[in-house]
C-alpha atoms as a PDB file:
ATOM      1  CA  MET A   1      91.874  95.425  73.087  1.00  0.00           C
ATOM      2  CA  PRO A   2      88.210  94.545  73.753  1.00  0.00           C
ATOM      3  CA  HIS A   3      86.628  92.130  71.314  1.00  0.00           C
ATOM      4  CA  SER A   4      84.461  93.666  68.619  1.00  0.00           C
ATOM      5  CA  ILE A   5      83.206  92.665  65.209  1.00  0.00           C
ATOM      6  CA  ILE A   6      84.810  93.903  62.001  1.00  0.00           C
ATOM      7  CA  HIS A   7      84.235  92.857  58.425  1.00  0.00           C
ATOM      8  CA  GLY A   8      86.071  92.752  55.143  1.00  0.00           C
ATOM      9  CA  ASP A   9      88.178  95.798  54.335  1.00  0.00           C
ATOM     10  CA  ALA A  10      87.851  97.086  57.899  1.00  0.00           C
ATOM     11  CA  CYS A  11      90.352  94.406  58.894  1.00  0.00           C
ATOM     12  CA  PHE A  12      93.074  96.286  57.074  1.00  0.00           C
ATOM     13  CA  ALA A  13      92.381  99.442  59.081  1.00  0.00           C
ATOM     14  CA  TYR A  14      92.500  97.443  62.320  1.00  0.00           C
ATOM     15  CA  PHE A  15      95.810  95.838  61.438  1.00  0.00           C
ATOM     16  CA  ASN A  16      97.337  99.145  60.405  1.00  0.00           C
ATOM     17  CA  LYS A  17      96.233 100.747  63.680  1.00  0.00           C
ATOM     18  CA  SER A  18      97.511  97.821  65.754  1.00  0.00           C
ATOM     19  CA  GLY A  19     100.952  98.035  64.188  1.00  0.00           C
ATOM     20  CA  ALA A  20     100.959  94.386  63.136  1.00  0.00           C
ATOM     21  CA  SER A  21     103.613  93.302  60.668  1.00  0.00           C
ATOM     22  CA  PRO A  22     102.610  92.244  57.134  1.00  0.00           C
ATOM     23  CA  LEU A  23     100.173  89.364  57.271  1.00  0.00           C
ATOM     24  CA  THR A  24     100.253  86.049  55.563  1.00  0.00           C
ATOM     25  CA  SER A  25      98.099  85.659  52.485  1.00  0.00           C
ATOM     26  CA  GLU A  26      95.959  83.091  54.309  1.00  0.00           C
ATOM     27  CA  LEU A  27      94.982  85.545  57.025  1.00  0.00           C
ATOM     28  CA  LEU A  28      94.283  88.268  54.508  1.00  0.00           C
ATOM     29  CA  ILE A  29      91.862  85.917  52.761  1.00  0.00           C
ATOM     30  CA  VAL A  30      90.089  85.267  56.061  1.00  0.00           C
ATOM     31  CA  CYS A  31      89.720  88.981  56.651  1.00  0.00           C
ATOM     32  CA  SER A  32      88.455  89.731  53.189  1.00  0.00           C
ATOM     33  CA  ILE A  33      85.659  87.195  53.040  1.00  0.00           C
ATOM     34  CA  ILE A  34      84.137  86.779  56.520  1.00  0.00           C
ATOM     35  CA  THR A  35      83.107  88.692  59.591  1.00  0.00           C
ATOM     36  CA  VAL A  36      85.914  88.376  62.122  1.00  0.00           C
ATOM     37  CA  ASP A  37      86.149  88.786  65.900  1.00  0.00           C
ATOM     38  CA  ILE A  38      89.157  90.921  66.833  1.00  0.00           C
ATOM     39  CA  GLY A  39      90.016  88.595  69.718  1.00  0.00           C
ATOM     40  CA  ILE A  40      90.220  85.682  67.271  1.00  0.00           C
ATOM     41  CA  ILE A  41      92.461  87.722  64.977  1.00  0.00           C
ATOM     42  CA  ASN A  42      94.827  88.475  67.853  1.00  0.00           C
ATOM     43  CA  ARG A  43      95.027  84.797  68.764  1.00  0.00           C
ATOM     44  CA  MET A  44      95.677  83.863  65.127  1.00  0.00           C
ATOM     45  CA  LEU A  45      98.428  86.442  64.875  1.00  0.00           C
ATOM     46  CA  ASN A  46     100.031  85.135  68.030  1.00  0.00           C
ATOM     47  CA  LEU A  47     100.021  81.638  66.582  1.00  0.00           C
ATOM     48  CA  LEU A  48     101.706  83.004  63.483  1.00  0.00           C
ATOM     49  CA  GLY A  49     104.331  84.682  65.633  1.00  0.00           C
ATOM     50  CA  GLU A  50     103.380  88.138  64.369  1.00  0.00           C
ATOM     51  CA  VAL A  51     102.247  89.795  67.630  1.00  0.00           C
ATOM     52  CA  GLY A  52     104.345  90.402  70.729  1.00  0.00           C
ATOM     53  CA  PRO A  53     107.679  88.673  70.007  1.00  0.00           C
ATOM     54  CA  MET A  54     110.451  89.737  72.328  1.00  0.00           C
ATOM     55  CA  ASP A  55     112.736  92.205  70.596  1.00  0.00           C
ATOM     56  CA  GLU A  56     116.290  91.105  69.878  1.00  0.00           C
ATOM     57  CA  PHE A  57     117.856  93.534  72.360  1.00  0.00           C
ATOM     58  CA  SER A  58     115.599  92.587  75.279  1.00  0.00           C
ATOM     59  CA  ALA A  59     116.097  88.877  74.610  1.00  0.00           C
ATOM     60  CA  HIS A  60     119.632  89.174  76.033  1.00  0.00           C
ATOM     61  CA  LYS A  61     118.474  88.714  79.613  1.00  0.00           C
ATOM     62  CA  LEU A  62     119.116  86.640  82.707  1.00  0.00           C
ATOM     63  CA  GLU A  63     116.146  85.229  84.599  1.00  0.00           C
ATOM     64  CA  PRO A  64     117.114  84.061  88.094  1.00  0.00           C
ATOM     65  CA  ALA A  65     114.431  82.337  90.152  1.00  0.00           C
ATOM     66  CA  LEU A  66     112.518  84.671  92.481  1.00  0.00           C
ATOM     67  CA  THR A  67     111.671  83.126  95.834  1.00  0.00           C
ATOM     68  CA  LEU A  68     110.517  85.578  98.472  1.00  0.00           C
ATOM     69  CA  SER A  69     111.354  85.682 102.142  1.00  0.00           C
ATOM     70  CA  ALA A  70     108.435  87.537 103.748  1.00  0.00           C
ATOM     71  CA  ARG A  71     110.714  88.931 106.444  1.00  0.00           C
ATOM     72  CA  ARG A  72     112.842  90.600 103.783  1.00  0.00           C
ATOM     73  CA  THR A  73     109.972  91.719 101.518  1.00  0.00           C
ATOM     74  CA  ALA A  74     107.914  94.925 101.496  1.00  0.00           C
ATOM     75  CA  VAL A  75     104.742  95.685  99.590  1.00  0.00           C
ATOM     76  CA  LEU A  76     104.720  99.267  98.278  1.00  0.00           C
ATOM     77  CA  ILE A  77     101.253 100.616  97.510  1.00  0.00           C
ATOM     78  CA  VAL A  78     101.864 103.688  95.372  1.00  0.00           C
ATOM     79  CA  ASP A  79      99.429 106.609  95.238  1.00  0.00           C
ATOM     80  CA  MET A  80      96.157 104.780  95.815  1.00  0.00           C
ATOM     81  CA  LEU A  81      94.759 108.120  96.933  1.00  0.00           C
ATOM     82  CA  ASN A  82      91.417 109.890  96.732  1.00  0.00           C
ATOM     83  CA  ASP A  83      92.641 112.493  94.240  1.00  0.00           C
ATOM     84  CA  PHE A  84      93.688 109.756  91.798  1.00  0.00           C
ATOM     85  CA  CYS A  85      90.865 107.293  92.393  1.00  0.00           C
ATOM     86  CA  LYS A  86      87.650 108.785  93.714  1.00  0.00           C
ATOM     87  CA  PRO A  87      84.959 110.841  91.996  1.00  0.00           C
ATOM     88  CA  GLY A  88      85.694 114.477  92.745  1.00  0.00           C
ATOM     89  CA  GLY A  89      89.429 113.864  92.878  1.00  0.00           C
ATOM     90  CA  ALA A  90      91.744 116.371  91.238  1.00  0.00           C
ATOM     91  CA  MET A  91      93.190 113.966  88.658  1.00  0.00           C
ATOM     92  CA  VAL A  92      91.219 110.720  88.552  1.00  0.00           C
ATOM     93  CA  LEU A  93      92.417 107.632  86.673  1.00  0.00           C
ATOM     94  CA  PRO A  94      89.199 105.841  85.638  1.00  0.00           C
ATOM     95  CA  GLY A  95      88.695 102.230  86.661  1.00  0.00           C
ATOM     96  CA  TYR A  96      90.554 102.062  89.947  1.00  0.00           C
ATOM     97  CA  GLU A  97      87.877  99.660  91.217  1.00  0.00           C
ATOM     98  CA  ARG A  98      89.293  96.766  89.208  1.00  0.00           C
ATOM     99  CA  LEU A  99      92.569  97.041  91.142  1.00  0.00           C
ATOM    100  CA  LEU A 100      90.974  96.671  94.554  1.00  0.00           C
ATOM    101  CA  LEU A 101      90.474  92.909  94.830  1.00  0.00           C
ATOM    102  CA  PRO A 102      93.948  92.024  93.454  1.00  0.00           C
ATOM    103  CA  GLN A 103      95.584  94.617  95.709  1.00  0.00           C
ATOM    104  CA  GLN A 104      93.628  93.415  98.722  1.00  0.00           C
ATOM    105  CA  THR A 105      94.783  89.872  97.918  1.00  0.00           C
ATOM    106  CA  VAL A 106      98.435  90.944  97.999  1.00  0.00           C
ATOM    107  CA  ILE A 107      98.033  93.086 101.131  1.00  0.00           C
ATOM    108  CA  ASP A 108      96.291  90.234 102.940  1.00  0.00           C
ATOM    109  CA  ALA A 109      99.070  87.827 101.946  1.00  0.00           C
ATOM    110  CA  ALA A 110     101.660  90.334 103.179  1.00  0.00           C
ATOM    111  CA  ARG A 111      99.946  90.635 106.550  1.00  0.00           C
ATOM    112  CA  ARG A 112      99.545  86.849 106.931  1.00  0.00           C
ATOM    113  CA  SER A 113     103.144  86.126 105.992  1.00  0.00           C
ATOM    114  CA  GLY A 114     104.731  88.919 108.023  1.00  0.00           C
ATOM    115  CA  ALA A 115     105.890  91.067 105.106  1.00  0.00           C
ATOM    116  CA  THR A 116     106.029  94.838 105.560  1.00  0.00           C
ATOM    117  CA  VAL A 117     103.201  96.983 104.164  1.00  0.00           C
ATOM    118  CA  ILE A 118     104.131 100.505 103.071  1.00  0.00           C
ATOM    119  CA  PHE A 119     101.737 103.077 101.643  1.00  0.00           C
ATOM    120  CA  VAL A 120     103.433 105.658  99.430  1.00  0.00           C
ATOM    121  CA  VAL A 121     101.544 108.939  99.600  1.00  0.00           C
ATOM    122  CA  ASP A 122     101.904 111.815  97.158  1.00  0.00           C
ATOM    123  CA  ALA A 123     101.490 114.934  99.325  1.00  0.00           C
ATOM    124  CA  HIS A 124     102.482 118.377  98.080  1.00  0.00           C
ATOM    125  CA  ARG A 125     103.106 121.359 100.339  1.00  0.00           C
ATOM    126  CA  GLN A 126     100.862 124.371 100.064  1.00  0.00           C
ATOM    127  CA  ASN A 127     102.093 127.789  98.980  1.00  0.00           C
ATOM    128  CA  VAL A 128     105.503 126.734  97.663  1.00  0.00           C
ATOM    129  CA  ARG A 129     106.849 128.938  94.897  1.00  0.00           C
ATOM    130  CA  ARG A 130     107.604 126.121  92.466  1.00  0.00           C
ATOM    131  CA  ASP A 131     106.494 122.519  92.831  1.00  0.00           C
ATOM    132  CA  ARG A 132     108.185 120.627  90.011  1.00  0.00           C
ATOM    133  CA  GLU A 133     105.203 118.345  89.357  1.00  0.00           C
ATOM    134  CA  PHE A 134     102.858 121.298  89.124  1.00  0.00           C
ATOM    135  CA  LEU A 135     104.882 122.676  86.225  1.00  0.00           C
ATOM    136  CA  LYS A 136     103.527 119.726  84.211  1.00  0.00           C
ATOM    137  CA  ARG A 137     100.399 118.539  85.995  1.00  0.00           C
ATOM    138  CA  THR A 138      97.218 119.947  87.530  1.00  0.00           C
ATOM    139  CA  PRO A 139      97.711 120.630  91.268  1.00  0.00           C
ATOM    140  CA  HIS A 140      96.761 117.541  93.257  1.00  0.00           C
ATOM    141  CA  CYS A 141      97.241 115.728  96.570  1.00  0.00           C
ATOM    142  CA  ILE A 142      97.821 118.790  98.735  1.00  0.00           C
ATOM    143  CA  GLU A 143      99.145 117.703 102.136  1.00  0.00           C
ATOM    144  CA  ASN A 144      96.538 117.135 104.869  1.00  0.00           C
ATOM    145  CA  SER A 145      93.728 117.273 102.306  1.00  0.00           C
ATOM    146  CA  TRP A 146      91.131 114.615 101.515  1.00  0.00           C
ATOM    147  CA  GLY A 147      92.794 114.122  98.135  1.00  0.00           C
ATOM    148  CA  ALA A 148      96.079 113.020  99.715  1.00  0.00           C
ATOM    149  CA  LYS A 149      94.476 110.291 101.848  1.00  0.00           C
ATOM    150  CA  VAL A 150      94.750 106.573 101.075  1.00  0.00           C
ATOM    151  CA  ILE A 151      91.427 105.223  99.805  1.00  0.00           C
ATOM    152  CA  ASP A 152      89.406 103.497 102.526  1.00  0.00           C
ATOM    153  CA  GLU A 153      88.953 100.231 100.638  1.00  0.00           C
ATOM    154  CA  LEU A 154      92.575  99.182 101.153  1.00  0.00           C
ATOM    155  CA  GLY A 155      92.253  99.178 104.925  1.00  0.00           C
ATOM    156  CA  ALA A 156      95.450 100.992 105.844  1.00  0.00           C
ATOM    157  CA  ARG A 157      96.333 100.437 109.496  1.00  0.00           C
ATOM    158  CA  PRO A 158      98.102 102.686 112.021  1.00  0.00           C
ATOM    159  CA  ASP A 159     100.946 100.164 112.259  1.00  0.00           C
ATOM    160  CA  ASP A 160     101.562 100.227 108.496  1.00  0.00           C
ATOM    161  CA  LEU A 161     104.356 102.463 107.277  1.00  0.00           C
ATOM    162  CA  PHE A 162     103.662 105.626 105.292  1.00  0.00           C
ATOM    163  CA  VAL A 163     106.168 107.372 103.038  1.00  0.00           C
ATOM    164  CA  ILE A 164     105.459 110.902 101.824  1.00  0.00           C
ATOM    165  CA  LYS A 165     106.742 111.894  98.391  1.00  0.00           C
ATOM    166  CA  ARG A 166     106.555 115.037  96.277  1.00  0.00           C
ATOM    167  CA  ARG A 167     107.955 113.657  93.037  1.00  0.00           C
ATOM    168  CA  TYR A 168     106.986 110.671  90.910  1.00  0.00           C
ATOM    169  CA  SER A 169     109.445 108.207  92.450  1.00  0.00           C
ATOM    170  CA  ALA A 170     108.850 106.997  96.003  1.00  0.00           C
ATOM    171  CA  PHE A 171     112.627 107.096  96.500  1.00  0.00           C
ATOM    172  CA  PHE A 172     113.431 110.620  95.320  1.00  0.00           C
ATOM    173  CA  ASN A 173     114.460 112.695  98.384  1.00  0.00           C
ATOM    174  CA  THR A 174     112.404 110.525 100.770  1.00  0.00           C
ATOM    175  CA  ASP A 175     113.554 108.236 103.584  1.00  0.00           C
ATOM    176  CA  LEU A 176     112.208 105.112 101.875  1.00  0.00           C
ATOM    177  CA  ASP A 177     115.599 103.592 101.068  1.00  0.00           C
ATOM    178  CA  LEU A 178     116.903 104.222 104.594  1.00  0.00           C
ATOM    179  CA  THR A 179     113.736 102.724 106.082  1.00  0.00           C
ATOM    180  CA  LEU A 180     113.960  99.616 103.902  1.00  0.00           C
ATOM    181  CA  ARG A 181     117.615  99.103 104.823  1.00  0.00           C
ATOM    182  CA  ASP A 182     116.808  99.461 108.533  1.00  0.00           C
ATOM    183  CA  LEU A 183     114.141  96.775 108.021  1.00  0.00           C
ATOM    184  CA  GLU A 184     116.653  94.566 106.153  1.00  0.00           C
ATOM    185  CA  ILE A 185     114.341  94.499 103.135  1.00  0.00           C
ATOM    186  CA  ASP A 186     115.810  93.362  99.823  1.00  0.00           C
ATOM    187  CA  ALA A 187     112.680  92.609  97.738  1.00  0.00           C
ATOM    188  CA  LEU A 188     109.828  94.929  96.790  1.00  0.00           C
ATOM    189  CA  ILE A 189     106.364  94.238  95.436  1.00  0.00           C
ATOM    190  CA  VAL A 190     105.247  97.481  93.792  1.00  0.00           C
ATOM    191  CA  MET A 191     101.626  98.204  92.932  1.00  0.00           C
ATOM    192  CA  GLY A 192      99.322 101.185  92.505  1.00  0.00           C
ATOM    193  CA  VAL A 193      98.953 104.043  90.053  1.00  0.00           C
ATOM    194  CA  VAL A 194     100.044 105.174  87.585  1.00  0.00           C
ATOM    195  CA  THR A 195     102.019 102.322  85.949  1.00  0.00           C
ATOM    196  CA  ASN A 196     103.843 104.495  83.445  1.00  0.00           C
ATOM    197  CA  ILE A 197     104.548 107.386  85.822  1.00  0.00           C
ATOM    198  CA  CYS A 198     104.908 106.911  89.583  1.00  0.00           C
ATOM    199  CA  VAL A 199     105.003 103.108  89.619  1.00  0.00           C
ATOM    200  CA  ARG A 200     107.571 102.980  86.858  1.00  0.00           C
ATOM    201  CA  SER A 201     109.742 105.726  88.391  1.00  0.00           C
ATOM    202  CA  THR A 202     109.703 103.887  91.701  1.00  0.00           C
ATOM    203  CA  VAL A 203     110.601 100.566  90.056  1.00  0.00           C
ATOM    204  CA  HIS A 204     113.521 102.136  88.214  1.00  0.00           C
ATOM    205  CA  ASP A 205     114.980 103.650  91.377  1.00  0.00           C
ATOM    206  CA  ALA A 206     114.427 100.425  93.326  1.00  0.00           C
ATOM    207  CA  PHE A 207     116.394  98.502  90.704  1.00  0.00           C
ATOM    208  CA  PHE A 208     119.179 101.099  90.672  1.00  0.00           C
ATOM    209  CA  LEU A 209     119.425 100.842  94.472  1.00  0.00           C
ATOM    210  CA  GLY A 210     119.787  97.067  94.397  1.00  0.00           C
ATOM    211  CA  TYR A 211     116.330  95.772  95.302  1.00  0.00           C
ATOM    212  CA  LYS A 212     114.619  92.815  93.664  1.00  0.00           C
ATOM    213  CA  VAL A 213     111.381  94.151  92.174  1.00  0.00           C
ATOM    214  CA  ILE A 214     108.109  92.411  91.341  1.00  0.00           C
ATOM    215  CA  VAL A 215     105.075  94.139  89.810  1.00  0.00           C
ATOM    216  CA  PRO A 216     101.738  92.264  89.832  1.00  0.00           C
ATOM    217  CA  GLU A 217     100.174  93.336  86.558  1.00  0.00           C
ATOM    218  CA  ASP A 218      96.576  93.211  87.804  1.00  0.00           C
ATOM    219  CA  CYS A 219      97.488  95.545  90.685  1.00  0.00           C
ATOM    220  CA  VAL A 220      98.641  98.477  88.547  1.00  0.00           C
ATOM    221  CA  ALA A 221      96.916 100.738  86.021  1.00  0.00           C
ATOM    222  CA  ALA A 222      98.340 103.075  83.395  1.00  0.00           C
ATOM    223  CA  THR A 223      97.006 106.033  81.433  1.00  0.00           C
ATOM    224  CA  GLY A 224      96.103 103.681  78.570  1.00  0.00           C
ATOM    225  CA  PRO A 225      96.587 100.125  77.208  1.00  0.00           C
ATOM    226  CA  ARG A 226      99.666 101.090  75.179  1.00  0.00           C
ATOM    227  CA  GLU A 227     101.361 102.618  78.206  1.00  0.00           C
ATOM    228  CA  GLN A 228     100.470  99.643  80.399  1.00  0.00           C
ATOM    229  CA  GLU A 229     101.847  97.109  77.961  1.00  0.00           C
ATOM    230  CA  SER A 230     105.023  99.054  77.204  1.00  0.00           C
ATOM    231  CA  SER A 231     105.815  99.825  80.842  1.00  0.00           C
ATOM    232  CA  LEU A 232     105.281  96.253  82.016  1.00  0.00           C
ATOM    233  CA  TYR A 233     107.350  94.910  79.127  1.00  0.00           C
ATOM    234  CA  ASP A 234     110.252  97.208  79.998  1.00  0.00           C
ATOM    235  CA  ILE A 235     109.995  96.362  83.697  1.00  0.00           C
ATOM    236  CA  ALA A 236     109.947  92.621  82.975  1.00  0.00           C
ATOM    237  CA  THR A 237     112.907  92.723  80.589  1.00  0.00           C
ATOM    238  CA  HIS A 238     115.152  95.308  82.274  1.00  0.00           C
ATOM    239  CA  PHE A 239     114.179  96.170  85.853  1.00  0.00           C
ATOM    240  CA  GLY A 240     112.413  93.293  87.580  1.00  0.00           C
ATOM    241  CA  ALA A 241     109.673  90.720  87.166  1.00  0.00           C
ATOM    242  CA  VAL A 242     106.003  90.979  86.249  1.00  0.00           C
ATOM    243  CA  SER A 243     103.605  88.518  87.877  1.00  0.00           C
ATOM    244  CA  ASP A 244      99.994  88.760  89.074  1.00  0.00           C
ATOM    245  CA  SER A 245      98.294  89.024  92.453  1.00  0.00           C
ATOM    246  CA  ARG A 246      97.747  85.280  92.825  1.00  0.00           C
ATOM    247  CA  GLY A 247     101.357  84.481  91.994  1.00  0.00           C
ATOM    248  CA  VAL A 248     102.656  87.112  94.403  1.00  0.00           C
ATOM    249  CA  ALA A 249     100.320  85.979  97.193  1.00  0.00           C
ATOM    250  CA  ALA A 250     101.478  82.380  96.746  1.00  0.00           C
ATOM    251  CA  GLY A 251     105.084  83.566  96.729  1.00  0.00           C
ATOM    252  CA  LEU A 252     104.592  85.349 100.055  1.00  0.00           C
ATOM    253  CA  VAL A 253     102.504  82.763 101.904  1.00  0.00           C
ATOM    254  CA  GLU A 254     103.761  79.493 100.398  1.00  0.00           C
ATOM    255  CA  ARG A 255     107.193  80.616  99.159  1.00  0.00           C
ATOM    256  CA  ILE A 256     106.385  79.398  95.651  1.00  0.00           C
ATOM    257  CA  ALA A 257     108.873  80.709  93.087  1.00  0.00           C
ATOM    258  CA  ILE A 258     107.498  83.640  91.116  1.00  0.00           C
ATOM    259  CA  GLU A 259     107.593  83.435  87.335  1.00  0.00           C
ATOM    260  CA  ASN A 260     108.364  86.508  85.261  1.00  0.00           C
ATOM    261  CA  ARG A 261     105.259  86.176  83.120  1.00  0.00           C
ATOM    262  CA  ILE A 262     106.004  88.710  80.378  1.00  0.00           C
ATOM    263  CA  ALA A 263     109.667  87.921  79.892  1.00  0.00           C
ATOM    264  CA  ALA A 264     109.395  84.141  80.279  1.00  0.00           C
END
């Protein structure tokens, strides 16, 4: 949550909204008598162990070291398309610009290390009688349209691989799994939009199919902060590892072990 200033009784409303557990009397006194920065409150709560503890169920986890072999690793860039990113797109997720530098960092590291770069493209056929996604969502990313093109800033190349999908998961009824097996890939770095929809669906299926999965948290964006936090927490504790672009780049180029930041 962005920092802002609250005072006195307003603290109670903030804590209720944030879902924090009952506070210590000392912190309540702080809130009741002074003007408080929300960022400071969050840090104080973390010190008190009252924000973000791992739940008892998720704590039963194994955390093997993740060291990448570039030859056996693919970077999946999910749905970084005009319709989802650019003004005038059919279903724009605001703020895609902040993903560009971290994603470019990972793509550059993949190219330098020899890892495979795969762009996953949502592209729906025209004039079908029932597109499952369009039962729930505004029509978007029609095949061969501007909206279904990868954004220019990521510098997709003709020798990159492109996988066309028509459902949320990049694996559902596509040839992605077959392609990865032909490439002898066993580890996937998944990034793009939207964290809690297409990225998450793809991560789930990748885990079910036996791939090691890493999601750089600064390379994905969700429909909101709650969805981002929840999705990354679930991925880190049950389906893979969550790192960041710098950690992933170092893992590809220098073979430095990647730490699961959220579940550590």
